[in-house]
Amino acid sequence: MKIIKTQLEYKNALIKLEQIFDAKPNTTKGDELELLSLLIEKYEEEKFSVAMPDPIEAIKFRMEQMGYTQNDLAKTLGLKSRASEILNKKRSLTLEMIRNLHEKMNIPTQVLIQNY
């Protein structure tokens, strides 16, 4: 086995993975399955990674999902004017705001702490 570098190698690795998928752990085939899985995962992370969304776009998206208005967001952030400033990218999120957004709207902190 070797590091997967091309689309063809990736497709062949997936075929091989399917063939040995039911291998028992702690056997030669089981070790091969584990190693092949790691190689495939590494290739997929490099080739198919998905960038995190912009923090403000994530807030707007979550607001839409939850049926929140700007007034609802203001309750989470403290002031209505602050909610407007945040949504218009005129004010940065504070640590307290990030914690509140994560807790009350379930937005991942990794998304909220990014620069925008």
PDB file of N, CA and C in Angstrom:
ATOM      1  N   MET A   1       0.838  -1.185   0.000  1.00  0.00           N
ATOM      2  CA  MET A   1       0.000   0.000   0.000  1.00  0.00           C
ATOM      3  C   MET A   1       0.874   1.237   0.000  1.00  0.00           C
ATOM      4  N   LYS A   2       0.317   2.295  -0.577  1.00  0.00           N
ATOM      5  CA  LYS A   2       1.029   3.561  -0.645  1.00  0.00           C
ATOM      6  C   LYS A   2       0.026   4.700  -0.525  1.00  0.00           C
ATOM      7  N   ILE A   3       0.539   5.890  -0.350  1.00  0.00           N
ATOM      8  CA  ILE A   3      -0.306   7.075  -0.239  1.00  0.00           C
ATOM      9  C   ILE A   3      -1.069   7.270  -1.553  1.00  0.00           C
ATOM     10  N   ILE A   4      -2.349   7.583  -1.424  1.00  0.00           N
ATOM     11  CA  ILE A   4      -3.217   7.791  -2.588  1.00  0.00           C
ATOM     12  C   ILE A   4      -2.991   9.204  -3.108  1.00  0.00           C
ATOM     13  N   LYS A   5      -2.610   9.295  -4.410  1.00  0.00           N
ATOM     14  CA  LYS A   5      -2.297  10.602  -4.983  1.00  0.00           C
ATOM     15  C   LYS A   5      -3.177  10.977  -6.169  1.00  0.00           C
ATOM     16  N   THR A   6      -3.813  10.009  -6.794  1.00  0.00           N
ATOM     17  CA  THR A   6      -4.609  10.312  -7.987  1.00  0.00           C
ATOM     18  C   THR A   6      -6.043   9.835  -7.811  1.00  0.00           C
ATOM     19  N   GLN A   7      -6.908  10.334  -8.670  1.00  0.00           N
ATOM     20  CA  GLN A   7      -8.312   9.922  -8.653  1.00  0.00           C
ATOM     21  C   GLN A   7      -8.432   8.424  -8.944  1.00  0.00           C
ATOM     22  N   LEU A   8      -7.611   7.914  -9.859  1.00  0.00           N
ATOM     23  CA  LEU A   8      -7.639   6.494 -10.198  1.00  0.00           C
ATOM     24  C   LEU A   8      -7.219   5.636  -8.997  1.00  0.00           C
ATOM     25  N   GLU A   9      -6.177   6.037  -8.316  1.00  0.00           N
ATOM     26  CA  GLU A   9      -5.740   5.311  -7.116  1.00  0.00           C
ATOM     27  C   GLU A   9      -6.831   5.343  -6.048  1.00  0.00           C
ATOM     28  N   TYR A  10      -7.507   6.466  -5.951  1.00  0.00           N
ATOM     29  CA  TYR A  10      -8.605   6.608  -4.990  1.00  0.00           C
ATOM     30  C   TYR A  10      -9.744   5.647  -5.323  1.00  0.00           C
ATOM     31  N   LYS A  11     -10.138   5.605  -6.580  1.00  0.00           N
ATOM     32  CA  LYS A  11     -11.215   4.690  -6.994  1.00  0.00           C
ATOM     33  C   LYS A  11     -10.824   3.237  -6.745  1.00  0.00           C
ATOM     34  N   ASN A  12      -9.590   2.888  -7.061  1.00  0.00           N
ATOM     35  CA  ASN A  12      -9.116   1.516  -6.818  1.00  0.00           C
ATOM     36  C   ASN A  12      -9.090   1.191  -5.324  1.00  0.00           C
ATOM     37  N   ALA A  13      -8.715   2.171  -4.510  1.00  0.00           N
ATOM     38  CA  ALA A  13      -8.698   1.968  -3.066  1.00  0.00           C
ATOM     39  C   ALA A  13     -10.111   1.731  -2.537  1.00  0.00           C
ATOM     40  N   LEU A  14     -11.089   2.460  -3.071  1.00  0.00           N
ATOM     41  CA  LEU A  14     -12.480   2.258  -2.648  1.00  0.00           C
ATOM     42  C   LEU A  14     -12.982   0.867  -3.030  1.00  0.00           C
ATOM     43  N   ILE A  15     -12.585   0.392  -4.213  1.00  0.00           N
ATOM     44  CA  ILE A  15     -12.972  -0.959  -4.646  1.00  0.00           C
ATOM     45  C   ILE A  15     -12.361  -1.986  -3.702  1.00  0.00           C
ATOM     46  N   LYS A  16     -11.080  -1.816  -3.387  1.00  0.00           N
ATOM     47  CA  LYS A  16     -10.389  -2.741  -2.484  1.00  0.00           C
ATOM     48  C   LYS A  16     -11.025  -2.699  -1.093  1.00  0.00           C
ATOM     49  N   LEU A  17     -11.367  -1.516  -0.633  1.00  0.00           N
ATOM     50  CA  LEU A  17     -12.003  -1.362   0.675  1.00  0.00           C
ATOM     51  C   LEU A  17     -13.314  -2.140   0.727  1.00  0.00           C
ATOM     52  N   GLU A  18     -14.080  -2.041  -0.323  1.00  0.00           N
ATOM     53  CA  GLU A  18     -15.353  -2.763  -0.388  1.00  0.00           C
ATOM     54  C   GLU A  18     -15.132  -4.280  -0.326  1.00  0.00           C
ATOM     55  N   GLN A  19     -14.075  -4.740  -0.949  1.00  0.00           N
ATOM     56  CA  GLN A  19     -13.783  -6.177  -0.981  1.00  0.00           C
ATOM     57  C   GLN A  19     -13.401  -6.720   0.390  1.00  0.00           C
ATOM     58  N   ILE A  20     -12.703  -5.925   1.182  1.00  0.00           N
ATOM     59  CA  ILE A  20     -12.229  -6.413   2.486  1.00  0.00           C
ATOM     60  C   ILE A  20     -12.986  -5.796   3.658  1.00  0.00           C
ATOM     61  N   PHE A  21     -14.109  -5.164   3.374  1.00  0.00           N
ATOM     62  CA  PHE A  21     -14.852  -4.410   4.391  1.00  0.00           C
ATOM     63  C   PHE A  21     -15.239  -5.237   5.612  1.00  0.00           C
ATOM     64  N   ASP A  22     -15.515  -6.508   5.439  1.00  0.00           N
ATOM     65  CA  ASP A  22     -15.957  -7.348   6.554  1.00  0.00           C
ATOM     66  C   ASP A  22     -14.806  -8.065   7.251  1.00  0.00           C
ATOM     67  N   ALA A  23     -13.570  -7.640   7.015  1.00  0.00           N
ATOM     68  CA  ALA A  23     -12.411  -8.280   7.645  1.00  0.00           C
ATOM     69  C   ALA A  23     -12.484  -8.160   9.163  1.00  0.00           C
ATOM     70  N   LYS A  24     -12.047  -9.183   9.834  1.00  0.00           N
ATOM     71  CA  LYS A  24     -12.056  -9.213  11.305  1.00  0.00           C
ATOM     72  C   LYS A  24     -10.874  -8.399  11.845  1.00  0.00           C
ATOM     73  N   PRO A  25     -11.094  -7.676  12.939  1.00  0.00           N
ATOM     74  CA  PRO A  25      -9.995  -6.907  13.556  1.00  0.00           C
ATOM     75  C   PRO A  25      -8.864  -7.846  14.000  1.00  0.00           C
ATOM     76  N   ASN A  26      -7.671  -7.291  14.072  1.00  0.00           N
ATOM     77  CA  ASN A  26      -6.477  -8.011  14.535  1.00  0.00           C
ATOM     78  C   ASN A  26      -6.120  -9.205  13.659  1.00  0.00           C
ATOM     79  N   THR A  27      -6.435  -9.104  12.378  1.00  0.00           N
ATOM     80  CA  THR A  27      -6.008 -10.102  11.405  1.00  0.00           C
ATOM     81  C   THR A  27      -5.253  -9.338  10.325  1.00  0.00           C
ATOM     82  N   THR A  28      -4.607 -10.047   9.437  1.00  0.00           N
ATOM     83  CA  THR A  28      -3.897  -9.392   8.344  1.00  0.00           C
ATOM     84  C   THR A  28      -4.846  -8.545   7.514  1.00  0.00           C
ATOM     85  N   LYS A  29      -5.987  -9.112   7.153  1.00  0.00           N
ATOM     86  CA  LYS A  29      -6.983  -8.371   6.367  1.00  0.00           C
ATOM     87  C   LYS A  29      -7.561  -7.203   7.176  1.00  0.00           C
ATOM     88  N   GLY A  30      -7.750  -7.419   8.473  1.00  0.00           N
ATOM     89  CA  GLY A  30      -8.263  -6.361   9.338  1.00  0.00           C
ATOM     90  C   GLY A  30      -7.294  -5.193   9.417  1.00  0.00           C
ATOM     91  N   ASP A  31      -5.993  -5.498   9.521  1.00  0.00           N
ATOM     92  CA  ASP A  31      -4.978  -4.442   9.531  1.00  0.00           C
ATOM     93  C   ASP A  31      -4.944  -3.718   8.188  1.00  0.00           C
ATOM     94  N   GLU A  32      -5.094  -4.452   7.112  1.00  0.00           N
ATOM     95  CA  GLU A  32      -5.122  -3.870   5.771  1.00  0.00           C
ATOM     96  C   GLU A  32      -6.324  -2.933   5.633  1.00  0.00           C
ATOM     97  N   LEU A  33      -7.458  -3.366   6.146  1.00  0.00           N
ATOM     98  CA  LEU A  33      -8.673  -2.547   6.113  1.00  0.00           C
ATOM     99  C   LEU A  33      -8.453  -1.238   6.874  1.00  0.00           C
ATOM    100  N   GLU A  34      -7.864  -1.327   8.049  1.00  0.00           N
ATOM    101  CA  GLU A  34      -7.629  -0.141   8.862  1.00  0.00           C
ATOM    102  C   GLU A  34      -6.668   0.830   8.165  1.00  0.00           C
ATOM    103  N   LEU A  35      -5.589   0.316   7.611  1.00  0.00           N
ATOM    104  CA  LEU A  35      -4.616   1.153   6.918  1.00  0.00           C
ATOM    105  C   LEU A  35      -5.227   1.783   5.667  1.00  0.00           C
ATOM    106  N   LEU A  36      -5.948   1.012   4.911  1.00  0.00           N
ATOM    107  CA  LEU A  36      -6.582   1.516   3.703  1.00  0.00           C
ATOM    108  C   LEU A  36      -7.601   2.604   4.038  1.00  0.00           C
ATOM    109  N   SER A  37      -8.328   2.411   5.113  1.00  0.00           N
ATOM    110  CA  SER A  37      -9.306   3.421   5.553  1.00  0.00           C
ATOM    111  C   SER A  37      -8.614   4.743   5.876  1.00  0.00           C
ATOM    112  N   LEU A  38      -7.466   4.669   6.534  1.00  0.00           N
ATOM    113  CA  LEU A  38      -6.718   5.880   6.876  1.00  0.00           C
ATOM    114  C   LEU A  38      -6.196   6.587   5.620  1.00  0.00           C
ATOM    115  N   LEU A  39      -5.713   5.801   4.664  1.00  0.00           N
ATOM    116  CA  LEU A  39      -5.213   6.382   3.420  1.00  0.00           C
ATOM    117  C   LEU A  39      -6.343   7.069   2.639  1.00  0.00           C
ATOM    118  N   ILE A  40      -7.492   6.429   2.600  1.00  0.00           N
ATOM    119  CA  ILE A  40      -8.655   7.013   1.912  1.00  0.00           C
ATOM    120  C   ILE A  40      -9.103   8.287   2.618  1.00  0.00           C
ATOM    121  N   GLU A  41      -9.151   8.244   3.928  1.00  0.00           N
ATOM    122  CA  GLU A  41      -9.567   9.418   4.708  1.00  0.00           C
ATOM    123  C   GLU A  41      -8.622  10.597   4.459  1.00  0.00           C
ATOM    124  N   LYS A  42      -7.328  10.345   4.446  1.00  0.00           N
ATOM    125  CA  LYS A  42      -6.342  11.401   4.197  1.00  0.00           C
ATOM    126  C   LYS A  42      -6.550  12.014   2.810  1.00  0.00           C
ATOM    127  N   TYR A  43      -6.750  11.174   1.811  1.00  0.00           N
ATOM    128  CA  TYR A  43      -6.974  11.673   0.448  1.00  0.00           C
ATOM    129  C   TYR A  43      -8.247  12.522   0.394  1.00  0.00           C
ATOM    130  N   GLU A  44      -9.309  12.053   1.008  1.00  0.00           N
ATOM    131  CA  GLU A  44     -10.583  12.778   0.981  1.00  0.00           C
ATOM    132  C   GLU A  44     -10.474  14.122   1.699  1.00  0.00           C
ATOM    133  N   GLU A  45      -9.745  14.167   2.809  1.00  0.00           N
ATOM    134  CA  GLU A  45      -9.570  15.429   3.527  1.00  0.00           C
ATOM    135  C   GLU A  45      -8.835  16.454   2.669  1.00  0.00           C
ATOM    136  N   GLU A  46      -7.846  15.974   1.923  1.00  0.00           N
ATOM    137  CA  GLU A  46      -7.074  16.882   1.075  1.00  0.00           C
ATOM    138  C   GLU A  46      -7.838  17.332  -0.165  1.00  0.00           C
ATOM    139  N   LYS A  47      -8.595  16.440  -0.772  1.00  0.00           N
ATOM    140  CA  LYS A  47      -9.240  16.725  -2.054  1.00  0.00           C
ATOM    141  C   LYS A  47     -10.668  17.233  -1.941  1.00  0.00           C
ATOM    142  N   PHE A  48     -11.357  16.852  -0.874  1.00  0.00           N
ATOM    143  CA  PHE A  48     -12.780  17.166  -0.774  1.00  0.00           C
ATOM    144  C   PHE A  48     -13.128  17.968   0.473  1.00  0.00           C
ATOM    145  N   SER A  49     -12.159  18.692   1.022  1.00  0.00           N
ATOM    146  CA  SER A  49     -12.435  19.427   2.253  1.00  0.00           C
ATOM    147  C   SER A  49     -13.457  20.529   1.996  1.00  0.00           C
ATOM    148  N   VAL A  50     -14.257  20.804   2.999  1.00  0.00           N
ATOM    149  CA  VAL A  50     -15.290  21.830   2.914  1.00  0.00           C
ATOM    150  C   VAL A  50     -14.902  22.960   3.869  1.00  0.00           C
ATOM    151  N   ALA A  51     -14.808  24.147   3.335  1.00  0.00           N
ATOM    152  CA  ALA A  51     -14.445  25.298   4.151  1.00  0.00           C
ATOM    153  C   ALA A  51     -15.590  25.655   5.091  1.00  0.00           C
ATOM    154  N   MET A  52     -15.217  26.203   6.232  1.00  0.00           N
ATOM    155  CA  MET A  52     -16.239  26.635   7.183  1.00  0.00           C
ATOM    156  C   MET A  52     -16.919  27.891   6.657  1.00  0.00           C
ATOM    157  N   PRO A  53     -18.191  28.063   6.978  1.00  0.00           N
ATOM    158  CA  PRO A  53     -18.914  29.239   6.498  1.00  0.00           C
ATOM    159  C   PRO A  53     -18.466  30.511   7.222  1.00  0.00           C
ATOM    160  N   ASP A  54     -18.715  31.621   6.615  1.00  0.00           N
ATOM    161  CA  ASP A  54     -18.494  32.915   7.230  1.00  0.00           C
ATOM    162  C   ASP A  54     -19.337  32.985   8.508  1.00  0.00           C
ATOM    163  N   PRO A  55     -18.785  33.500   9.612  1.00  0.00           N
ATOM    164  CA  PRO A  55     -19.543  33.537  10.880  1.00  0.00           C
ATOM    165  C   PRO A  55     -20.892  34.249  10.783  1.00  0.00           C
ATOM    166  N   ILE A  56     -20.926  35.375  10.096  1.00  0.00           N
ATOM    167  CA  ILE A  56     -22.172  36.140  10.011  1.00  0.00           C
ATOM    168  C   ILE A  56     -23.188  35.412   9.137  1.00  0.00           C
ATOM    169  N   GLU A  57     -22.712  34.810   8.054  1.00  0.00           N
ATOM    170  CA  GLU A  57     -23.611  34.027   7.208  1.00  0.00           C
ATOM    171  C   GLU A  57     -24.148  32.823   7.979  1.00  0.00           C
ATOM    172  N   ALA A  58     -23.330  32.240   8.840  1.00  0.00           N
ATOM    173  CA  ALA A  58     -23.782  31.117   9.667  1.00  0.00           C
ATOM    174  C   ALA A  58     -24.874  31.572  10.637  1.00  0.00           C
ATOM    175  N   ILE A  59     -24.711  32.753  11.203  1.00  0.00           N
ATOM    176  CA  ILE A  59     -25.737  33.296  12.114  1.00  0.00           C
ATOM    177  C   ILE A  59     -27.038  33.532  11.347  1.00  0.00           C
ATOM    178  N   LYS A  60     -26.929  34.161  10.182  1.00  0.00           N
ATOM    179  CA  LYS A  60     -28.130  34.434   9.375  1.00  0.00           C
ATOM    180  C   LYS A  60     -28.825  33.133   8.969  1.00  0.00           C
ATOM    181  N   PHE A  61     -28.035  32.140   8.578  1.00  0.00           N
ATOM    182  CA  PHE A  61     -28.603  30.850   8.181  1.00  0.00           C
ATOM    183  C   PHE A  61     -29.324  30.195   9.355  1.00  0.00           C
ATOM    184  N   ARG A  62     -28.690  30.221  10.523  1.00  0.00           N
ATOM    185  CA  ARG A  62     -29.299  29.604  11.704  1.00  0.00           C
ATOM    186  C   ARG A  62     -30.549  30.377  12.128  1.00  0.00           C
ATOM    187  N   MET A  63     -30.517  31.690  11.999  1.00  0.00           N
ATOM    188  CA  MET A  63     -31.705  32.492  12.317  1.00  0.00           C
ATOM    189  C   MET A  63     -32.862  32.066  11.428  1.00  0.00           C
ATOM    190  N   GLU A  64     -32.580  31.898  10.148  1.00  0.00           N
ATOM    191  CA  GLU A  64     -33.618  31.479   9.200  1.00  0.00           C
ATOM    192  C   GLU A  64     -34.160  30.104   9.574  1.00  0.00           C
ATOM    193  N   GLN A  65     -33.266  29.183   9.919  1.00  0.00           N
ATOM    194  CA  GLN A  65     -33.690  27.832  10.301  1.00  0.00           C
ATOM    195  C   GLN A  65     -34.595  27.854  11.523  1.00  0.00           C
ATOM    196  N   MET A  66     -34.264  28.724  12.475  1.00  0.00           N
ATOM    197  CA  MET A  66     -35.002  28.770  13.734  1.00  0.00           C
ATOM    198  C   MET A  66     -36.192  29.729  13.689  1.00  0.00           C
ATOM    199  N   GLY A  67     -36.361  30.442  12.582  1.00  0.00           N
ATOM    200  CA  GLY A  67     -37.443  31.414  12.493  1.00  0.00           C
ATOM    201  C   GLY A  67     -37.183  32.639  13.354  1.00  0.00           C
ATOM    202  N   TYR A  68     -35.922  32.950  13.596  1.00  0.00           N
ATOM    203  CA  TYR A  68     -35.548  34.092  14.425  1.00  0.00           C
ATOM    204  C   TYR A  68     -35.610  35.384  13.623  1.00  0.00           C
ATOM    205  N   THR A  69     -35.986  36.451  14.305  1.00  0.00           N
ATOM    206  CA  THR A  69     -35.924  37.793  13.741  1.00  0.00           C
ATOM    207  C   THR A  69     -34.697  38.488  14.330  1.00  0.00           C
ATOM    208  N   GLN A  70     -34.463  39.706  13.862  1.00  0.00           N
ATOM    209  CA  GLN A  70     -33.350  40.463  14.425  1.00  0.00           C
ATOM    210  C   GLN A  70     -33.599  40.755  15.908  1.00  0.00           C
ATOM    211  N   ASN A  71     -34.868  40.919  16.298  1.00  0.00           N
ATOM    212  CA  ASN A  71     -35.203  41.128  17.713  1.00  0.00           C
ATOM    213  C   ASN A  71     -34.837  39.907  18.553  1.00  0.00           C
ATOM    214  N   ASP A  72     -35.065  38.710  18.005  1.00  0.00           N
ATOM    215  CA  ASP A  72     -34.695  37.489  18.724  1.00  0.00           C
ATOM    216  C   ASP A  72     -33.179  37.419  18.895  1.00  0.00           C
ATOM    217  N   LEU A  73     -32.463  37.790  17.838  1.00  0.00           N
ATOM    218  CA  LEU A  73     -31.004  37.791  17.917  1.00  0.00           C
ATOM    219  C   LEU A  73     -30.530  38.809  18.940  1.00  0.00           C
ATOM    220  N   ALA A  74     -31.206  39.955  18.999  1.00  0.00           N
ATOM    221  CA  ALA A  74     -30.846  40.999  19.958  1.00  0.00           C
ATOM    222  C   ALA A  74     -30.939  40.483  21.392  1.00  0.00           C
ATOM    223  N   LYS A  75     -31.909  39.626  21.675  1.00  0.00           N
ATOM    224  CA  LYS A  75     -32.043  39.046  23.014  1.00  0.00           C
ATOM    225  C   LYS A  75     -30.844  38.167  23.340  1.00  0.00           C
ATOM    226  N   THR A  76     -30.296  37.522  22.322  1.00  0.00           N
ATOM    227  CA  THR A  76     -29.129  36.670  22.517  1.00  0.00           C
ATOM    228  C   THR A  76     -27.859  37.502  22.680  1.00  0.00           C
ATOM    229  N   LEU A  77     -27.774  38.607  21.934  1.00  0.00           N
ATOM    230  CA  LEU A  77     -26.560  39.430  21.941  1.00  0.00           C
ATOM    231  C   LEU A  77     -26.593  40.573  22.943  1.00  0.00           C
ATOM    232  N   GLY A  78     -27.760  40.978  23.391  1.00  0.00           N
ATOM    233  CA  GLY A  78     -27.846  42.035  24.383  1.00  0.00           C
ATOM    234  C   GLY A  78     -28.666  43.229  23.935  1.00  0.00           C
ATOM    235  N   LEU A  79     -28.314  43.860  22.823  1.00  0.00           N
ATOM    236  CA  LEU A  79     -29.017  45.054  22.365  1.00  0.00           C
ATOM    237  C   LEU A  79     -29.418  44.919  20.901  1.00  0.00           C
ATOM    238  N   LYS A  80     -30.528  45.569  20.534  1.00  0.00           N
ATOM    239  CA  LYS A  80     -30.993  45.514  19.142  1.00  0.00           C
ATOM    240  C   LYS A  80     -29.975  46.173  18.207  1.00  0.00           C
ATOM    241  N   SER A  81     -29.415  47.283  18.638  1.00  0.00           N
ATOM    242  CA  SER A  81     -28.428  47.975  17.795  1.00  0.00           C
ATOM    243  C   SER A  81     -27.194  47.106  17.592  1.00  0.00           C
ATOM    244  N   ARG A  82     -26.840  46.350  18.604  1.00  0.00           N
ATOM    245  CA  ARG A  82     -25.686  45.467  18.495  1.00  0.00           C
ATOM    246  C   ARG A  82     -25.942  44.358  17.484  1.00  0.00           C
ATOM    247  N   ALA A  83     -27.143  43.823  17.492  1.00  0.00           N
ATOM    248  CA  ALA A  83     -27.507  42.769  16.538  1.00  0.00           C
ATOM    249  C   ALA A  83     -27.389  43.301  15.113  1.00  0.00           C
ATOM    250  N   SER A  84     -27.860  44.511  14.890  1.00  0.00           N
ATOM    251  CA  SER A  84     -27.773  45.126  13.571  1.00  0.00           C
ATOM    252  C   SER A  84     -26.322  45.335  13.161  1.00  0.00           C
ATOM    253  N   GLU A  85     -25.511  45.824  14.069  1.00  0.00           N
ATOM    254  CA  GLU A  85     -24.086  46.041  13.776  1.00  0.00           C
ATOM    255  C   GLU A  85     -23.372  44.729  13.449  1.00  0.00           C
ATOM    256  N   ILE A  86     -23.706  43.687  14.174  1.00  0.00           N
ATOM    257  CA  ILE A  86     -23.095  42.374  13.935  1.00  0.00           C
ATOM    258  C   ILE A  86     -23.505  41.864  12.553  1.00  0.00           C
ATOM    259  N   LEU A  87     -24.800  41.898  12.262  1.00  0.00           N
ATOM    260  CA  LEU A  87     -25.291  41.377  10.985  1.00  0.00           C
ATOM    261  C   LEU A  87     -24.765  42.164   9.792  1.00  0.00           C
ATOM    262  N   ASN A  88     -24.443  43.426   9.995  1.00  0.00           N
ATOM    263  CA  ASN A  88     -23.888  44.260   8.922  1.00  0.00           C
ATOM    264  C   ASN A  88     -22.357  44.321   8.956  1.00  0.00           C
ATOM    265  N   LYS A  89     -21.770  43.494   9.796  1.00  0.00           N
ATOM    266  CA  LYS A  89     -20.303  43.370   9.929  1.00  0.00           C
ATOM    267  C   LYS A  89     -19.628  44.688  10.303  1.00  0.00           C
ATOM    268  N   LYS A  90     -20.336  45.478  11.111  1.00  0.00           N
ATOM    269  CA  LYS A  90     -19.767  46.733  11.593  1.00  0.00           C
ATOM    270  C   LYS A  90     -19.197  46.582  12.998  1.00  0.00           C
ATOM    271  N   ARG A  91     -19.487  45.479  13.631  1.00  0.00           N
ATOM    272  CA  ARG A  91     -18.982  45.196  14.973  1.00  0.00           C
ATOM    273  C   ARG A  91     -18.568  43.731  15.007  1.00  0.00           C
ATOM    274  N   SER A  92     -17.473  43.466  15.691  1.00  0.00           N
ATOM    275  CA  SER A  92     -16.997  42.082  15.840  1.00  0.00           C
ATOM    276  C   SER A  92     -17.721  41.394  16.990  1.00  0.00           C
ATOM    277  N   LEU A  93     -17.801  40.092  16.887  1.00  0.00           N
ATOM    278  CA  LEU A  93     -18.381  39.302  17.969  1.00  0.00           C
ATOM    279  C   LEU A  93     -17.429  39.290  19.151  1.00  0.00           C
ATOM    280  N   THR A  94     -17.971  39.427  20.344  1.00  0.00           N
ATOM    281  CA  THR A  94     -17.156  39.301  21.548  1.00  0.00           C
ATOM    282  C   THR A  94     -17.190  37.848  22.017  1.00  0.00           C
ATOM    283  N   LEU A  95     -16.329  37.526  22.932  1.00  0.00           N
ATOM    284  CA  LEU A  95     -16.299  36.173  23.476  1.00  0.00           C
ATOM    285  C   LEU A  95     -17.635  35.818  24.123  1.00  0.00           C
ATOM    286  N   GLU A  96     -18.218  36.749  24.828  1.00  0.00           N
ATOM    287  CA  GLU A  96     -19.524  36.505  25.458  1.00  0.00           C
ATOM    288  C   GLU A  96     -20.610  36.255  24.412  1.00  0.00           C
ATOM    289  N   MET A  97     -20.585  37.029  23.323  1.00  0.00           N
ATOM    290  CA  MET A  97     -21.556  36.833  22.247  1.00  0.00           C
ATOM    291  C   MET A  97     -21.384  35.454  21.619  1.00  0.00           C
ATOM    292  N   ILE A  98     -20.142  35.075  21.376  1.00  0.00           N
ATOM    293  CA  ILE A  98     -19.861  33.763  20.789  1.00  0.00           C
ATOM    294  C   ILE A  98     -20.402  32.661  21.682  1.00  0.00           C
ATOM    295  N   ARG A  99     -20.169  32.797  22.968  1.00  0.00           N
ATOM    296  CA  ARG A  99     -20.678  31.785  23.920  1.00  0.00           C
ATOM    297  C   ARG A  99     -22.204  31.736  23.887  1.00  0.00           C
ATOM    298  N   ASN A 100     -22.848  32.893  23.857  1.00  0.00           N
ATOM    299  CA  ASN A 100     -24.313  32.934  23.822  1.00  0.00           C
ATOM    300  C   ASN A 100     -24.865  32.346  22.527  1.00  0.00           C
ATOM    301  N   LEU A 101     -24.253  32.701  21.403  1.00  0.00           N
ATOM    302  CA  LEU A 101     -24.702  32.168  20.116  1.00  0.00           C
ATOM    303  C   LEU A 101     -24.542  30.652  20.063  1.00  0.00           C
ATOM    304  N   HIS A 102     -23.457  30.175  20.609  1.00  0.00           N
ATOM    305  CA  HIS A 102     -23.228  28.729  20.641  1.00  0.00           C
ATOM    306  C   HIS A 102     -24.263  28.041  21.534  1.00  0.00           C
ATOM    307  N   GLU A 103     -24.475  28.600  22.700  1.00  0.00           N
ATOM    308  CA  GLU A 103     -25.391  27.992  23.672  1.00  0.00           C
ATOM    309  C   GLU A 103     -26.858  28.071  23.237  1.00  0.00           C
ATOM    310  N   LYS A 104     -27.278  29.223  22.768  1.00  0.00           N
ATOM    311  CA  LYS A 104     -28.694  29.437  22.468  1.00  0.00           C
ATOM    312  C   LYS A 104     -29.092  29.079  21.043  1.00  0.00           C
ATOM    313  N   MET A 105     -28.124  29.148  20.106  1.00  0.00           N
ATOM    314  CA  MET A 105     -28.465  28.875  18.712  1.00  0.00           C
ATOM    315  C   MET A 105     -27.725  27.655  18.158  1.00  0.00           C
ATOM    316  N   ASN A 106     -26.887  27.081  18.999  1.00  0.00           N
ATOM    317  CA  ASN A 106     -26.159  25.861  18.642  1.00  0.00           C
ATOM    318  C   ASN A 106     -25.287  26.040  17.388  1.00  0.00           C
ATOM    319  N   ILE A 107     -24.643  27.188  17.289  1.00  0.00           N
ATOM    320  CA  ILE A 107     -23.699  27.443  16.199  1.00  0.00           C
ATOM    321  C   ILE A 107     -22.315  27.057  16.718  1.00  0.00           C
ATOM    322  N   PRO A 108     -21.582  26.229  16.006  1.00  0.00           N
ATOM    323  CA  PRO A 108     -20.263  25.795  16.490  1.00  0.00           C
ATOM    324  C   PRO A 108     -19.330  26.981  16.747  1.00  0.00           C
ATOM    325  N   THR A 109     -18.635  26.935  17.860  1.00  0.00           N
ATOM    326  CA  THR A 109     -17.704  28.011  18.196  1.00  0.00           C
ATOM    327  C   THR A 109     -16.588  28.128  17.159  1.00  0.00           C
ATOM    328  N   GLN A 110     -16.203  27.006  16.540  1.00  0.00           N
ATOM    329  CA  GLN A 110     -15.153  27.048  15.524  1.00  0.00           C
ATOM    330  C   GLN A 110     -15.549  27.948  14.356  1.00  0.00           C
ATOM    331  N   VAL A 111     -16.822  28.014  14.071  1.00  0.00           N
ATOM    332  CA  VAL A 111     -17.315  28.871  12.990  1.00  0.00           C
ATOM    333  C   VAL A 111     -17.325  30.336  13.463  1.00  0.00           C
ATOM    334  N   LEU A 112     -17.779  30.559  14.678  1.00  0.00           N
ATOM    335  CA  LEU A 112     -17.963  31.917  15.171  1.00  0.00           C
ATOM    336  C   LEU A 112     -16.655  32.658  15.455  1.00  0.00           C
ATOM    337  N   ILE A 113     -15.586  31.943  15.766  1.00  0.00           N
ATOM    338  CA  ILE A 113     -14.337  32.611  16.130  1.00  0.00           C
ATOM    339  C   ILE A 113     -13.502  33.042  14.921  1.00  0.00           C
ATOM    340  N   GLN A 114     -13.915  32.676  13.730  1.00  0.00           N
ATOM    341  CA  GLN A 114     -13.163  33.042  12.531  1.00  0.00           C
ATOM    342  C   GLN A 114     -13.209  34.547  12.283  1.00  0.00           C
ATOM    343  N   ASN A 115     -12.172  35.039  11.591  1.00  0.00           N
ATOM    344  CA  ASN A 115     -12.178  36.434  11.154  1.00  0.00           C
ATOM    345  C   ASN A 115     -13.195  36.613  10.033  1.00  0.00           C
ATOM    346  N   TYR A 116     -13.757  37.791   9.963  1.00  0.00           N
ATOM    347  CA  TYR A 116     -14.675  38.123   8.868  1.00  0.00           C
ATOM    348  C   TYR A 116     -14.529  39.567   8.510  1.00  0.00           C
TER     349      TYR A 116
END
